[in-house]
Amino acid sequence: MKVLLRNPTRAIEVSGTMSVNTLLARLELNRESFLVIRGDELIAGDAQLHDSDEVEIRPVISGGSGPVDRRGDEDGSP
């Protein structure tokens, strides 16, 4: 299967039918830190991948909701 990895971007070929969890383990990637996408669909860890699949692996990125406006009222409301 064709695997596209992000951050840094690179493409690799992996052969054999396997679960998403197995693919991530083979690539030494932590399951909780990466998303696996096939087409436009996020794939669960127990889903099976086949040689004909093309998947993308993206790192999970978390962050805040934006800058905090500190000019608001004392209770924190803007």
C-alpha atoms as a PDB file:
ATOM      1  CA  MET A   1       0.000   0.000   0.000  1.00  0.00           C
ATOM      2  CA  LYS A   2       1.033   3.572  -0.529  1.00  0.00           C
ATOM      3  CA  VAL A   3       1.505   5.488   2.720  1.00  0.00           C
ATOM      4  CA  LEU A   4       1.827   9.252   2.779  1.00  0.00           C
ATOM      5  CA  LEU A   5       3.275  10.617   6.001  1.00  0.00           C
ATOM      6  CA  ARG A   6       3.094  14.266   7.072  1.00  0.00           C
ATOM      7  CA  ASN A   7       5.482  16.430   9.061  1.00  0.00           C
ATOM      8  CA  PRO A   8       7.832  15.772   7.410  1.00  0.00           C
ATOM      9  CA  THR A   9       6.076  14.810   4.183  1.00  0.00           C
ATOM     10  CA  ARG A  10       7.261  11.582   2.596  1.00  0.00           C
ATOM     11  CA  ALA A  11       5.737   8.614   0.777  1.00  0.00           C
ATOM     12  CA  ILE A  12       6.598   4.967   1.382  1.00  0.00           C
ATOM     13  CA  GLU A  13       5.339   1.598   0.158  1.00  0.00           C
ATOM     14  CA  VAL A  14       4.296  -1.060   2.673  1.00  0.00           C
ATOM     15  CA  SER A  15       3.253  -4.540   1.552  1.00  0.00           C
ATOM     16  CA  GLY A  16       0.815  -6.944   3.137  1.00  0.00           C
ATOM     17  CA  THR A  17      -2.629  -6.858   4.684  1.00  0.00           C
ATOM     18  CA  MET A  18      -2.555  -5.474   8.219  1.00  0.00           C
ATOM     19  CA  SER A  19      -4.519  -3.434  10.706  1.00  0.00           C
ATOM     20  CA  VAL A  20      -3.992   0.282  11.171  1.00  0.00           C
ATOM     21  CA  ASN A  21      -2.493  -0.442  14.594  1.00  0.00           C
ATOM     22  CA  THR A  22       0.001  -2.878  13.043  1.00  0.00           C
ATOM     23  CA  LEU A  23       0.978  -0.366  10.360  1.00  0.00           C
ATOM     24  CA  LEU A  24       1.631   2.315  12.970  1.00  0.00           C
ATOM     25  CA  ALA A  25       3.620  -0.108  15.116  1.00  0.00           C
ATOM     26  CA  ARG A  26       5.682  -1.161  12.094  1.00  0.00           C
ATOM     27  CA  LEU A  27       6.458   2.505  11.427  1.00  0.00           C
ATOM     28  CA  GLU A  28       7.229   2.989  15.142  1.00  0.00           C
ATOM     29  CA  LEU A  29       4.468   5.593  15.490  1.00  0.00           C
ATOM     30  CA  ASN A  30       2.353   6.023  18.623  1.00  0.00           C
ATOM     31  CA  ARG A  31      -1.334   5.311  17.877  1.00  0.00           C
ATOM     32  CA  GLU A  32      -2.546   8.130  20.123  1.00  0.00           C
ATOM     33  CA  SER A  33      -0.375  10.665  18.322  1.00  0.00           C
ATOM     34  CA  PHE A  34      -1.367   9.951  14.707  1.00  0.00           C
ATOM     35  CA  LEU A  35      -4.492   9.821  12.543  1.00  0.00           C
ATOM     36  CA  VAL A  36      -4.791   7.425   9.611  1.00  0.00           C
ATOM     37  CA  ILE A  37      -6.979   8.550   6.712  1.00  0.00           C
ATOM     38  CA  ARG A  38      -8.125   6.531   3.683  1.00  0.00           C
ATOM     39  CA  GLY A  39      -9.810   8.673   1.033  1.00  0.00           C
ATOM     40  CA  ASP A  40     -11.758  11.187   3.106  1.00  0.00           C
ATOM     41  CA  GLU A  41     -12.389   8.783   5.987  1.00  0.00           C
ATOM     42  CA  LEU A  42     -10.640   8.556   9.333  1.00  0.00           C
ATOM     43  CA  ILE A  43      -9.808   4.889   9.964  1.00  0.00           C
ATOM     44  CA  ALA A  44     -10.104   3.049  13.277  1.00  0.00           C
ATOM     45  CA  GLY A  45      -7.126   1.172  14.681  1.00  0.00           C
ATOM     46  CA  ASP A  46      -8.636  -2.262  14.074  1.00  0.00           C
ATOM     47  CA  ALA A  47      -9.542  -1.582  10.418  1.00  0.00           C
ATOM     48  CA  GLN A  48      -7.750  -3.738   7.859  1.00  0.00           C
ATOM     49  CA  LEU A  49      -5.522  -2.195   5.221  1.00  0.00           C
ATOM     50  CA  HIS A  50      -4.707  -3.905   1.916  1.00  0.00           C
ATOM     51  CA  ASP A  51      -1.971  -3.608  -0.688  1.00  0.00           C
ATOM     52  CA  SER A  52      -4.256  -1.583  -2.971  1.00  0.00           C
ATOM     53  CA  ASP A  53      -4.984   1.053  -0.304  1.00  0.00           C
ATOM     54  CA  GLU A  54      -3.586   4.547  -0.216  1.00  0.00           C
ATOM     55  CA  VAL A  55      -3.527   6.030   3.262  1.00  0.00           C
ATOM     56  CA  GLU A  56      -2.284   9.213   4.816  1.00  0.00           C
ATOM     57  CA  ILE A  57      -0.834   9.437   8.312  1.00  0.00           C
ATOM     58  CA  ARG A  58      -1.068  12.812  10.008  1.00  0.00           C
ATOM     59  CA  PRO A  59       0.198  13.805  13.426  1.00  0.00           C
ATOM     60  CA  VAL A  60      -2.443  14.914  15.923  1.00  0.00           C
ATOM     61  CA  ILE A  61      -2.027  18.609  16.611  1.00  0.00           C
ATOM     62  CA  SER A  62      -3.758  20.289  19.491  1.00  0.00           C
ATOM     63  CA  GLY A  63      -3.810  23.878  20.534  1.00  0.00           C
ATOM     64  CA  GLY A  64      -5.805  26.642  22.087  1.00  0.00           C
ATOM     65  CA  SER A  65      -8.768  28.451  20.619  1.00  0.00           C
ATOM     66  CA  GLY A  66      -6.818  31.621  19.899  1.00  0.00           C
ATOM     67  CA  PRO A  67      -5.403  34.606  21.706  1.00  0.00           C
ATOM     68  CA  VAL A  68      -6.956  35.564  25.032  1.00  0.00           C
ATOM     69  CA  ASP A  69      -8.494  39.015  25.273  1.00  0.00           C
ATOM     70  CA  ARG A  70      -7.334  40.254  28.688  1.00  0.00           C
ATOM     71  CA  ARG A  71      -9.194  43.581  28.400  1.00  0.00           C
ATOM     72  CA  GLY A  72     -12.516  42.071  29.498  1.00  0.00           C
ATOM     73  CA  ASP A  73     -14.352  42.343  32.809  1.00  0.00           C
ATOM     74  CA  GLU A  74     -12.857  41.007  36.003  1.00  0.00           C
ATOM     75  CA  ASP A  75     -14.835  37.794  35.645  1.00  0.00           C
ATOM     76  CA  GLY A  76     -13.029  37.192  32.340  1.00  0.00           C
ATOM     77  CA  SER A  77     -15.936  37.937  30.034  1.00  0.00           C
ATOM     78  CA  PRO A  78     -15.076  40.166  27.059  1.00  0.00           C
END
